[in-house]
Structure formats: structure tokens, C-alpha cells
Amino acid sequence: MKRNLILLALAIGLGSFTYYYQELGDRQEREEEKHKGMLLDPAVLGELKAFRLPEVDITKQGDQYLFPDSGGLADERKVDWFFSILSGIRAKRIIPKEKWEQSKRSEFFPNDNEEMTFIFENGQVTFLLGKKLEFDRSFYIEVKNGEKVSHVVAFDSGPLDTAYEKKEGHRADHHFRRFQSLFYLSKDFFRDYRFFRHWMHKKWSLLEVAVDSTRNIAYSINFPEGQTSPKVPFFLSLKTEVVLAFEKRVVHLEGKSFAAKEDQNFFEEPLSTMKINSTLGAATLTLLRSKRDKKAHFIKSSLDEFFYKIDEKTAKVLFLNIQDFWSKKIWEQRPNEMTFRFPNREEQKVSFKYDNGAFKAFPDALHAPFKKFVDFFSKPADYWSAGDSLKDGFIHQFTVDWGKGPFFLMIRTGEVLLYHKESKQGLIYSIEGLPPFPLIGNEYFL
């Protein structure tokens, strides 16, 4: 027993040794490799305070990035992308001081325009971009770190989506041009065009959204209660997943740019208005269209009174119909029983069975016509409608009840209507030609 305990202790000791000296050692090597050659190493430089490009000046305050001249917000997603590219820039070798002093500066750095400066907690670093090497993907960078100036042959180690010939890959300039393009980013690129950007660094959620457009009836959605107004018809259900997707879409609404001043004088009457109530306050978004260009849409936000140019996908959010949030299927699972009333026939209850894929109707019922009927109404309706005049132009064929009360089945050219008389609501299904199920009672029963 004592010998076994000694062996167990040795095994534990060897396991601990392996972990601490091999696993942790490997982990440290990987971490060192990760930082090897980095020109901007946050582990050394500390927290970023600001950075400057030829056309951009951005400071960091807490978790936010600001334009110091206006106090406007920069988009942290774009700043993160910018630094993700920079993180891949690594030093390959440093040009010896004596060799540099013997060379002409213009051979390496033909101009002084491509420069960027970073201010960190522990100092300031400036990059000046030079030429790309002719037979290599590398390029020259002058690095000023405080008073120290180094001339470096660097390369971009980051992944690249651009396709190029493999045989030319060793000297392709795609990485260089991507890095070079960072120096020419404008203030417009870094601007934050999200409508609720001032709320993004706080905890908040939507309470209610109300939409009133020229295309559809006005409606609202209460998110905490999971209800719509108008209410979901009693014979339909709410598409919870669609409501959640809509909530997320509204929270992240954003424009592409700000409207030019000359465009702001040429808007048509509002096409849609979205009123938003949130845990941080209220806002109104107004959808407008340019008189000059019918395809150009803009949104005016009450939060800042700015006009945002938007794409078609964003415009559609303010044109959604209340029915887009409802499931227009009268049943999610095929019913086992229905009651039918045909003209000149007594009301009759029909039961259905689904046996190994086979459809059966009974008693005294024909399988095929009832299967056609059930199959047709197992699909979603094309749209819901309501009102006294809904049934105008339709011809009543028979009445059906699947547990929600009696509905009139009515037809007219190209459409079938399921109409609930008491609530004056109905579902309309588009068809081509004749309905794909019988309309006469004698065709359903033996």
C-alpha cells in the first residue's frame, strides 16, 4: 500500500511538472510569438489615447472614440477594423544605422504624406510609410517612438481575401496597398451613422415601436408584453422569432452617410414614421424620399435632427406590415376533426387519420377531396384583412369549423376567402383558375 501511495505521488508530481514547465512554457512561447515584431504592442505601450491620420483626428474617452473638433462619435467597429489591420504589420528587420546614413532618404521615402501617429499611455509612436520592395511583399516604414527613430523593413502578416496568382504571391502588392489605404481613410469613413449610437455604450432595450406608413395600416409592437396592436387575430399566432429579429434590426438601424445640405431642401412628404420608446427615452425616425432621385431615401432622427442617407434594405424596415409579424396559417398541425355545413345538407363532423402517410376521412367521407382541402389550407394565407366590405364580391360556398368557430368559405376570381362573420376578419388565398379542392358537398361524401 505504501509503495502504491509513493508511485501515485510521483505520478502527480510528474504530471504537475509537465503542465507547469511544458504546457505553460508552450503557452508563453505562443504568446511571445504572437507579439513578435509588432510595431504597436499594447502590452508595452499601454492604453490607446488618440490617433491621427492625414485627414482624421480621433481621441478615446472611456469606451468611446470621438472627433475632438466636433465632439461627434466615431464608430468603434470601424476603429477596431482599422487596428485589426495594423496588428498584422510586423517588423522583418531593422536597417542598420550606418547603412541608412549612407543612403538617400528619397530612395526609401519619396514623400512625407503617408504618416499616422498614435498616442498611448506610455508614449507616442509615428509611422511614415515608404516604398514597397520590388522583389518582396515587404515595405519600408520609418518608426518614431518618442525620440528614437528606426527604419524598418516590415510586412503585413494578416489574412487577405483578395485573389492573386500563387506564383506571384511572393511579391504581390495587395497587402501593401491595403496598408497604404489606411493612411487615406477619411473622417466620413470613421463616422458612426447608427441612429442610436449615443445609447450603444449603455444598457438599454426597446419597450415599444409604432409605425405609421403610407403603404400599410398603422401598428405597434410592445416587446415586454409580446403583443401587437392591432391584436393578433384569435385564429392566428404571433411569430415570436420575427418580432425578435425586428427588435434587433431596429436597435442596429444605421445610415450610410449624412445628407448633403442641398438635399435637405428637396424631400417629399414623409413616407413612414417610426416612434420608438425605450428604457433610455423616446425617438422618432421619419422616412423621406428625395424629389430629385426617387430611389434615394433618407431618415431624419429626432435624437440629433440629422438626415441620414439609407439603403433600400433599411427603408423596408419602416414599410413592414403588421401581418409580417403574424403566422397566417390557420393551424400549425393538421386537425383531427372538422365540422362542415354544405347547402342542402345537415351539418356533419368529419374526423381525419394520418396512418403511415396515408390520409383517411370518416365516417361516410371520401379521402381524396378532404385531403385536397386540408392540404390547401395547411399553407399560409397570402394576407389578412378585416372590415364590413371584406366579403363583397365573394360567393359563399360552405361553412367550416376547425375549433375556432364557423368560417365561411367564399370564392371569387383568383382568390379564396375564409371569413369569420362575427369578427369581420378573414384570410385570403390566391389561386390560379379553379380552387384545387371541390366546392360541392356531394363530392366529399359517399
Protein backbone atom coordinates (compact mmCIF):
# COMPACT_ATOMS: atom_id res chain seq x y z
CA MET A 1 0.00 0.00 0.00
CA LYS A 2 2.77 2.41 0.99
CA ARG A 3 4.59 1.64 -2.27
CA ASN A 4 1.42 2.42 -4.28
CA LEU A 5 0.99 5.74 -2.50
CA ILE A 6 4.59 6.68 -3.33
CA LEU A 7 4.05 5.80 -7.00
CA LEU A 8 0.82 7.85 -7.04
CA ALA A 9 2.61 10.85 -5.54
CA LEU A 10 5.36 10.55 -8.16
CA ALA A 11 2.78 10.39 -10.95
CA ILE A 12 1.04 13.53 -9.67
CA GLY A 13 4.38 15.26 -9.32
CA LEU A 14 5.42 14.38 -12.87
CA GLY A 15 2.04 15.50 -14.19
CA SER A 16 2.36 18.85 -12.43
CA PHE A 17 5.93 19.23 -13.73
CA THR A 18 4.81 18.52 -17.28
CA TYR A 19 1.97 21.04 -17.03
CA TYR A 20 3.90 23.88 -15.47
CA TYR A 21 7.10 23.51 -17.43
CA GLN A 22 5.83 22.24 -20.76
CA GLU A 23 2.22 23.33 -21.18
CA LEU A 24 2.73 26.74 -19.61
CA GLY A 25 6.06 27.06 -21.37
CA ASP A 26 4.43 26.35 -24.73
CA ARG A 27 1.71 28.83 -23.94
CA GLN A 28 4.31 31.50 -23.13
CA GLU A 29 6.13 30.76 -26.40
CA ARG A 30 2.88 31.16 -28.34
CA GLU A 31 2.19 34.46 -26.60
CA GLU A 32 5.72 35.69 -27.34
CA GLU A 33 5.36 34.61 -30.97
CA LYS A 34 2.07 36.49 -31.14
CA HIS A 35 3.79 39.74 -30.11
CA LYS A 36 7.00 39.13 -32.04
CA GLY A 37 7.80 42.01 -34.37
CA MET A 38 4.66 44.01 -33.53
CA LEU A 39 5.15 47.70 -34.22
CA LEU A 40 2.21 48.62 -31.98
CA ASP A 41 2.30 46.34 -28.97
CA PRO A 42 -0.34 47.34 -26.38
CA ALA A 43 1.45 45.23 -23.78
CA VAL A 44 4.36 47.70 -23.97
CA LEU A 45 2.66 50.95 -25.00
CA GLY A 46 -0.35 50.75 -22.69
CA GLU A 47 -3.83 52.08 -23.37
CA LEU A 48 -4.55 53.99 -26.58
CA LYS A 49 -5.43 57.66 -26.01
CA ALA A 50 -5.66 59.05 -29.56
CA PHE A 51 -4.50 58.61 -33.15
CA ARG A 52 -4.09 60.85 -36.18
CA LEU A 53 -4.15 60.23 -39.91
CA PRO A 54 -3.64 62.87 -42.61
CA GLU A 55 -7.40 63.63 -42.66
CA VAL A 56 -8.56 62.18 -39.34
CA ASP A 57 -8.05 63.04 -35.67
CA ILE A 58 -9.67 60.71 -33.11
CA THR A 59 -9.41 60.60 -29.33
CA LYS A 60 -10.56 57.88 -26.95
CA GLN A 61 -12.62 58.60 -23.84
CA GLY A 62 -13.55 55.53 -21.88
CA ASP A 63 -15.05 53.08 -24.37
CA GLN A 64 -15.92 55.77 -26.90
CA TYR A 65 -13.98 57.32 -29.78
CA LEU A 66 -14.58 61.00 -30.52
CA PHE A 67 -13.68 63.61 -33.12
CA PRO A 68 -12.14 66.30 -30.89
CA ASP A 69 -13.05 69.17 -33.22
CA SER A 70 -16.80 68.47 -33.13
CA GLY A 71 -17.28 66.06 -30.24
CA GLY A 72 -19.04 63.68 -32.63
CA LEU A 73 -18.79 59.96 -32.14
CA ALA A 74 -16.57 57.71 -34.23
CA ASP A 75 -17.74 54.16 -34.88
CA GLU A 76 -15.81 51.79 -32.62
CA ARG A 77 -16.47 48.93 -35.05
CA LYS A 78 -14.54 50.77 -37.77
CA VAL A 79 -11.78 51.72 -35.34
CA ASP A 80 -11.50 48.06 -34.33
CA TRP A 81 -11.25 47.04 -38.00
CA PHE A 82 -8.55 49.70 -38.54
CA PHE A 83 -6.46 48.34 -35.67
CA SER A 84 -7.05 44.74 -36.71
CA ILE A 85 -5.19 45.52 -39.95
CA LEU A 86 -2.46 47.37 -38.06
CA SER A 87 -1.97 44.45 -35.68
CA GLY A 88 -0.76 42.38 -38.61
CA ILE A 89 2.06 44.80 -39.51
CA ARG A 90 5.31 43.25 -38.28
CA ALA A 91 8.95 44.26 -38.42
CA LYS A 92 11.07 41.95 -40.55
CA ARG A 93 14.39 43.63 -39.95
CA ILE A 94 15.82 46.98 -38.95
CA ILE A 95 18.06 48.84 -41.41
CA PRO A 96 21.45 49.35 -39.70
CA LYS A 97 22.13 52.96 -38.79
CA GLU A 98 25.38 53.10 -40.76
CA LYS A 99 23.70 51.78 -43.91
CA TRP A 100 20.86 54.25 -43.53
CA GLU A 101 23.23 57.19 -43.16
CA GLN A 102 24.96 56.22 -46.41
CA SER A 103 21.67 56.14 -48.36
CA LYS A 104 19.46 58.83 -49.81
CA ARG A 105 16.20 59.20 -47.89
CA SER A 106 14.23 59.62 -51.12
CA GLU A 107 15.24 56.08 -52.15
CA PHE A 108 13.14 54.72 -49.28
CA PHE A 109 10.64 57.52 -48.51
CA PRO A 110 9.70 59.53 -51.60
CA ASN A 111 7.13 61.67 -49.73
CA ASP A 112 6.12 62.62 -46.20
CA ASN A 113 2.36 62.47 -46.69
CA GLU A 114 1.65 58.90 -45.64
CA GLU A 115 2.02 59.31 -41.92
CA MET A 116 0.00 58.21 -38.90
CA THR A 117 0.56 58.95 -35.22
CA PHE A 118 -0.62 57.05 -32.15
CA ILE A 119 -0.68 58.42 -28.63
CA PHE A 120 -0.55 55.76 -25.93
CA GLU A 121 -0.47 55.79 -22.17
CA ASN A 122 3.29 55.15 -22.26
CA GLY A 123 4.33 57.26 -25.22
CA GLN A 124 3.80 58.33 -28.82
CA VAL A 125 4.53 56.32 -31.99
CA THR A 126 4.56 57.67 -35.56
CA PHE A 127 4.66 55.65 -38.78
CA LEU A 128 5.84 57.03 -42.11
CA LEU A 129 5.19 54.68 -45.00
CA GLY A 130 7.90 54.20 -47.60
CA LYS A 131 8.27 52.23 -50.81
CA LYS A 132 7.40 48.60 -51.34
CA LEU A 133 10.34 46.31 -52.09
CA GLU A 134 10.45 45.32 -55.74
CA PHE A 135 11.02 41.59 -55.28
CA ASP A 136 9.31 41.15 -51.95
CA ARG A 137 5.91 41.81 -50.33
CA SER A 138 7.71 43.87 -47.67
CA PHE A 139 7.85 47.64 -47.47
CA TYR A 140 9.75 50.36 -45.61
CA ILE A 141 8.43 52.13 -42.52
CA GLU A 142 10.05 54.90 -40.51
CA VAL A 143 9.09 54.41 -36.87
CA LYS A 144 9.40 57.27 -34.39
CA ASN A 145 8.98 56.04 -30.83
CA GLY A 146 9.46 59.11 -28.68
CA GLU A 147 12.93 60.43 -29.51
CA LYS A 148 14.04 57.15 -31.07
CA VAL A 149 13.85 56.83 -34.88
CA SER A 150 14.13 53.45 -36.63
CA HIS A 151 13.92 52.46 -40.27
CA VAL A 152 12.26 49.10 -40.66
CA VAL A 153 11.55 46.59 -43.38
CA ALA A 154 8.02 45.45 -42.47
CA PHE A 155 5.32 43.18 -43.85
CA ASP A 156 1.60 42.60 -43.39
CA SER A 157 1.04 39.20 -41.78
CA GLY A 158 -2.75 39.49 -41.76
CA PRO A 159 -5.12 37.38 -43.89
CA LEU A 160 -6.19 38.78 -47.24
CA ASP A 161 -9.36 37.99 -49.17
CA THR A 162 -8.09 39.33 -52.49
CA ALA A 163 -7.23 36.64 -55.03
CA TYR A 164 -3.92 36.73 -56.88
CA GLU A 165 -1.72 34.29 -58.77
CA LYS A 166 0.17 31.98 -56.44
CA LYS A 167 3.37 32.19 -58.47
CA GLU A 168 3.36 35.99 -57.97
CA GLY A 169 2.39 35.79 -54.32
CA HIS A 170 5.90 36.37 -53.00
CA ARG A 171 5.97 39.87 -54.48
CA ALA A 172 2.29 40.79 -54.85
CA ASP A 173 1.43 44.29 -53.64
CA HIS A 174 -2.08 43.53 -52.29
CA HIS A 175 -1.02 43.63 -48.64
CA PHE A 176 0.98 46.79 -49.20
CA ARG A 177 -1.89 48.59 -50.93
CA ARG A 178 -4.30 47.57 -48.18
CA PHE A 179 -1.98 49.01 -45.53
CA GLN A 180 -1.37 52.10 -47.66
CA SER A 181 -5.12 52.70 -47.97
CA LEU A 182 -5.36 53.14 -44.18
CA PHE A 183 -3.42 56.40 -44.45
CA TYR A 184 -6.11 57.83 -46.74
CA LEU A 185 -9.18 56.97 -44.68
CA SER A 186 -11.42 59.98 -44.23
CA LYS A 187 -13.46 61.28 -41.33
CA ASP A 188 -16.61 60.11 -43.13
CA PHE A 189 -15.32 56.54 -43.02
CA PHE A 190 -14.95 56.62 -39.24
CA ARG A 191 -18.24 58.41 -38.53
CA ASP A 192 -20.85 56.48 -36.58
CA TYR A 193 -24.09 56.52 -38.56
CA ARG A 194 -26.11 54.38 -36.15
CA PHE A 195 -29.28 56.19 -35.15
CA PHE A 196 -28.93 55.14 -31.51
CA ARG A 197 -25.16 55.46 -31.25
CA HIS A 198 -25.42 57.61 -28.11
CA TRP A 199 -27.19 54.73 -26.34
CA MET A 200 -24.87 51.96 -27.51
CA HIS A 201 -22.47 52.23 -24.56
CA LYS A 202 -25.27 51.90 -22.02
CA LYS A 203 -27.64 49.12 -21.11
CA TRP A 204 -30.94 49.71 -22.86
CA SER A 205 -33.78 47.90 -24.56
CA LEU A 206 -36.83 48.66 -26.67
CA LEU A 207 -40.20 48.92 -24.99
CA GLU A 208 -42.46 49.74 -27.92
CA VAL A 209 -42.24 50.63 -31.60
CA ALA A 210 -45.11 52.26 -33.50
CA VAL A 211 -45.05 52.50 -37.31
CA ASP A 212 -47.36 54.61 -39.47
CA SER A 213 -46.64 54.44 -43.20
CA THR A 214 -48.41 55.45 -46.38
CA ARG A 215 -48.45 51.82 -47.55
CA ASN A 216 -50.00 49.91 -44.63
CA ILE A 217 -52.25 50.34 -41.61
CA ALA A 218 -50.60 51.84 -38.54
CA TYR A 219 -49.45 49.34 -35.92
CA SER A 220 -47.34 49.00 -32.82
CA ILE A 221 -45.40 46.24 -31.08
CA ASN A 222 -44.99 46.03 -27.31
CA PHE A 223 -41.84 43.99 -26.76
CA PRO A 224 -42.02 43.24 -22.99
CA GLU A 225 -45.60 42.00 -23.37
CA GLY A 226 -45.07 40.35 -26.74
CA GLN A 227 -48.22 41.92 -28.20
CA THR A 228 -49.15 43.80 -31.33
CA SER A 229 -51.80 46.44 -31.97
CA PRO A 230 -53.97 45.57 -33.85
CA LYS A 231 -54.01 42.38 -31.81
CA VAL A 232 -53.15 39.09 -33.40
CA PRO A 233 -56.43 37.60 -34.70
CA PHE A 234 -57.74 34.88 -32.41
CA PHE A 235 -57.34 32.28 -35.14
CA LEU A 236 -53.67 33.16 -35.84
CA SER A 237 -50.47 33.37 -33.78
CA LEU A 238 -47.55 35.74 -33.28
CA LYS A 239 -44.24 34.96 -34.99
CA THR A 240 -42.02 35.41 -31.96
CA GLU A 241 -38.82 34.86 -33.93
CA VAL A 242 -39.82 37.59 -36.42
CA VAL A 243 -40.57 40.04 -33.59
CA LEU A 244 -37.16 39.36 -32.00
CA ALA A 245 -35.42 39.82 -35.36
CA PHE A 246 -37.31 43.10 -35.89
CA GLU A 247 -36.32 44.33 -32.42
CA LYS A 248 -32.66 43.60 -33.16
CA ARG A 249 -32.91 45.24 -36.58
CA VAL A 250 -34.39 48.43 -35.13
CA VAL A 251 -31.75 48.67 -32.40
CA HIS A 252 -28.98 48.48 -35.00
CA LEU A 253 -30.51 50.75 -37.66
CA GLU A 254 -27.91 52.92 -39.32
CA GLY A 255 -27.38 55.15 -42.31
CA LYS A 256 -24.71 55.17 -44.99
CA SER A 257 -23.86 58.86 -44.75
CA PHE A 258 -25.32 62.21 -43.82
CA ALA A 259 -27.43 64.01 -46.39
CA ALA A 260 -25.82 66.93 -48.16
CA LYS A 261 -27.26 70.33 -47.21
CA GLU A 262 -28.64 70.87 -50.70
CA ASP A 263 -30.58 67.57 -50.50
CA GLN A 264 -32.38 68.63 -47.32
CA ASN A 265 -34.47 71.15 -49.22
CA PHE A 266 -35.83 68.61 -51.70
CA PHE A 267 -37.76 65.98 -49.73
CA GLU A 268 -41.25 64.72 -50.43
CA GLU A 269 -43.89 64.31 -47.73
CA PRO A 270 -42.94 61.63 -45.13
CA LEU A 271 -43.45 58.08 -46.35
CA SER A 272 -43.34 56.49 -42.91
CA THR A 273 -42.82 57.39 -39.26
CA MET A 274 -41.41 55.11 -36.58
CA LYS A 275 -41.90 56.18 -32.97
CA ILE A 276 -39.65 54.42 -30.51
CA ASN A 277 -39.99 54.14 -26.76
CA SER A 278 -37.00 52.66 -24.93
CA THR A 279 -35.62 52.36 -21.42
CA LEU A 280 -33.41 55.37 -22.22
CA GLY A 281 -36.07 57.58 -23.74
CA ALA A 282 -38.08 58.19 -26.88
CA ALA A 283 -37.13 58.88 -30.50
CA THR A 284 -38.85 59.41 -33.82
CA LEU A 285 -37.48 58.31 -37.19
CA THR A 286 -39.06 59.85 -40.28
CA LEU A 287 -38.59 58.21 -43.69
CA LEU A 288 -38.25 60.67 -46.58
CA ARG A 289 -37.64 60.41 -50.30
CA SER A 290 -35.76 62.83 -52.50
CA LYS A 291 -37.70 64.74 -55.12
CA ARG A 292 -34.60 64.68 -57.31
CA ASP A 293 -33.99 60.95 -57.13
CA LYS A 294 -36.98 58.71 -56.35
CA LYS A 295 -34.64 55.87 -55.38
CA ALA A 296 -32.80 57.95 -52.77
CA HIS A 297 -34.25 57.56 -49.26
CA PHE A 298 -33.34 59.38 -46.07
CA ILE A 299 -34.25 59.16 -42.40
CA LYS A 300 -34.48 62.14 -40.09
CA SER A 301 -33.79 61.31 -36.43
CA SER A 302 -35.29 63.33 -33.60
CA LEU A 303 -32.29 62.44 -31.43
CA ASP A 304 -29.92 64.73 -33.33
CA GLU A 305 -32.06 66.26 -36.13
CA PHE A 306 -29.62 64.80 -38.68
CA PHE A 307 -30.71 63.46 -42.08
CA TYR A 308 -29.19 60.06 -42.85
CA LYS A 309 -28.95 58.61 -46.31
CA ILE A 310 -30.03 54.96 -46.15
CA ASP A 311 -30.12 51.90 -48.38
CA GLU A 312 -33.22 50.10 -49.63
CA LYS A 313 -32.91 47.36 -47.00
CA THR A 314 -33.14 49.92 -44.18
CA ALA A 315 -36.09 51.68 -45.81
CA LYS A 316 -38.03 48.40 -45.88
CA VAL A 317 -37.90 48.20 -42.08
CA LEU A 318 -40.18 51.25 -41.94
CA PHE A 319 -42.51 49.73 -44.54
CA LEU A 320 -43.20 46.42 -42.78
CA ASN A 321 -46.81 45.33 -42.45
CA ILE A 322 -48.34 44.20 -39.16
CA GLN A 323 -49.11 40.89 -40.89
CA ASP A 324 -45.39 40.26 -41.31
CA PHE A 325 -45.33 39.51 -37.57
CA TRP A 326 -48.27 37.08 -37.65
CA SER A 327 -48.34 33.48 -38.75
CA LYS A 328 -51.07 33.40 -41.40
CA LYS A 329 -51.55 29.64 -41.05
CA ILE A 330 -54.91 28.65 -39.55
CA TRP A 331 -53.28 25.63 -37.97
CA GLU A 332 -49.68 24.62 -37.29
CA GLN A 333 -50.61 20.92 -37.10
CA ARG A 334 -53.24 19.32 -39.27
CA PRO A 335 -56.52 18.96 -37.37
CA ASN A 336 -58.01 15.61 -36.48
CA GLU A 337 -61.57 16.84 -36.74
CA MET A 338 -63.66 19.48 -38.55
CA THR A 339 -67.31 20.36 -38.92
CA PHE A 340 -68.75 21.16 -42.36
CA ARG A 341 -72.08 22.65 -43.41
CA PHE A 342 -72.86 22.48 -47.09
CA PRO A 343 -76.03 23.95 -48.68
CA ASN A 344 -78.96 21.49 -48.56
CA ARG A 345 -77.05 19.17 -46.22
CA GLU A 346 -77.06 18.74 -42.49
CA GLU A 347 -74.04 19.86 -40.51
CA GLN A 348 -71.57 16.97 -40.38
CA LYS A 349 -68.48 16.33 -38.28
CA VAL A 350 -65.60 14.68 -40.11
CA SER A 351 -62.60 13.02 -38.47
CA PHE A 352 -59.20 12.50 -40.05
CA LYS A 353 -56.44 9.98 -39.57
CA TYR A 354 -52.87 10.07 -40.77
CA ASP A 355 -51.66 6.47 -40.86
CA ASN A 356 -48.08 5.97 -42.14
CA GLY A 357 -48.50 8.88 -44.53
CA ALA A 358 -51.93 7.77 -45.69
CA PHE A 359 -54.80 10.25 -45.21
CA LYS A 360 -58.20 8.91 -44.21
CA ALA A 361 -61.51 10.72 -43.62
CA PHE A 362 -64.56 9.21 -41.89
CA PRO A 363 -67.41 8.48 -41.40
CA ASP A 364 -69.00 8.27 -44.84
CA ALA A 365 -66.34 10.63 -46.22
CA LEU A 366 -64.17 10.43 -49.31
CA HIS A 367 -60.44 10.57 -48.60
CA ALA A 368 -59.15 12.38 -51.72
CA PRO A 369 -61.30 15.56 -51.68
CA PHE A 370 -60.83 16.10 -47.95
CA LYS A 371 -57.07 15.62 -48.35
CA LYS A 372 -57.03 18.30 -51.06
CA PHE A 373 -58.95 20.64 -48.76
CA VAL A 374 -56.67 20.05 -45.74
CA ASP A 375 -53.51 20.29 -47.86
CA PHE A 376 -54.58 23.64 -49.36
CA PHE A 377 -55.32 25.28 -46.02
CA SER A 378 -52.17 23.91 -44.39
CA LYS A 379 -50.20 26.61 -46.18
CA PRO A 380 -50.11 30.26 -45.05
CA ALA A 381 -52.67 32.68 -46.44
CA ASP A 382 -51.44 35.45 -48.70
CA TYR A 383 -52.85 38.16 -46.46
CA TRP A 384 -55.28 39.01 -43.67
CA SER A 385 -57.99 41.61 -44.00
CA ALA A 386 -60.90 42.98 -41.98
CA GLY A 387 -63.97 45.17 -42.38
CA ASP A 388 -67.60 45.18 -43.40
CA SER A 389 -66.77 45.18 -47.10
CA LEU A 390 -64.28 42.33 -46.94
CA LYS A 391 -66.71 39.73 -48.25
CA ASP A 392 -68.04 41.93 -51.07
CA GLY A 393 -67.60 40.28 -54.43
CA PHE A 394 -67.15 36.81 -52.94
CA ILE A 395 -69.65 33.94 -53.27
CA HIS A 396 -70.37 31.81 -50.20
CA GLN A 397 -69.78 28.10 -50.85
CA PHE A 398 -69.95 26.34 -47.48
CA THR A 399 -69.07 26.74 -43.79
CA VAL A 400 -66.21 25.06 -41.95
CA ASP A 401 -65.18 24.97 -38.27
CA TRP A 402 -61.83 23.53 -37.11
CA GLY A 403 -62.34 24.55 -33.48
CA LYS A 404 -62.23 28.35 -33.83
CA GLY A 405 -65.87 28.86 -34.69
CA PRO A 406 -67.66 28.82 -38.07
CA PHE A 407 -65.87 30.37 -41.06
CA PHE A 408 -67.48 31.00 -44.43
CA LEU A 409 -65.53 29.61 -47.35
CA MET A 410 -66.03 32.06 -50.18
CA ILE A 411 -64.56 32.43 -53.66
CA ARG A 412 -64.11 34.94 -56.43
CA THR A 413 -61.84 35.04 -59.47
CA GLY A 414 -58.28 34.31 -58.37
CA GLU A 415 -58.98 34.21 -54.62
CA VAL A 416 -60.40 32.09 -51.82
CA LEU A 417 -61.62 33.76 -48.61
CA LEU A 418 -62.04 32.23 -45.15
CA TYR A 419 -64.34 34.75 -43.47
CA HIS A 420 -65.30 34.96 -39.79
CA LYS A 421 -68.63 36.78 -39.72
CA GLU A 422 -68.67 37.82 -36.05
CA SER A 423 -65.23 39.49 -36.05
CA LYS A 424 -65.47 40.57 -39.70
CA GLN A 425 -61.97 39.24 -40.33
CA GLY A 426 -60.69 36.87 -42.94
CA LEU A 427 -57.76 35.26 -44.70
CA ILE A 428 -57.34 35.47 -48.44
CA TYR A 429 -55.54 32.83 -50.51
CA SER A 430 -54.54 33.45 -54.11
CA ILE A 431 -55.31 30.76 -56.68
CA GLU A 432 -54.95 30.29 -60.40
CA GLY A 433 -58.07 29.08 -62.13
CA LEU A 434 -60.47 26.92 -60.09
CA PRO A 435 -59.85 26.07 -56.42
CA PRO A 436 -57.75 22.89 -56.03
CA PHE A 437 -60.47 21.30 -53.87
CA PRO A 438 -64.18 20.57 -54.51
CA LEU A 439 -66.87 23.12 -53.65
CA ILE A 440 -69.96 20.82 -53.69
CA GLY A 441 -70.89 18.69 -50.70
CA ASN A 442 -71.77 15.65 -52.83
CA GLU A 443 -68.10 15.46 -53.90
CA TYR A 444 -66.96 15.00 -50.27
CA PHE A 445 -69.25 12.25 -49.03
CA LEU A 446 -70.24 8.77 -50.07
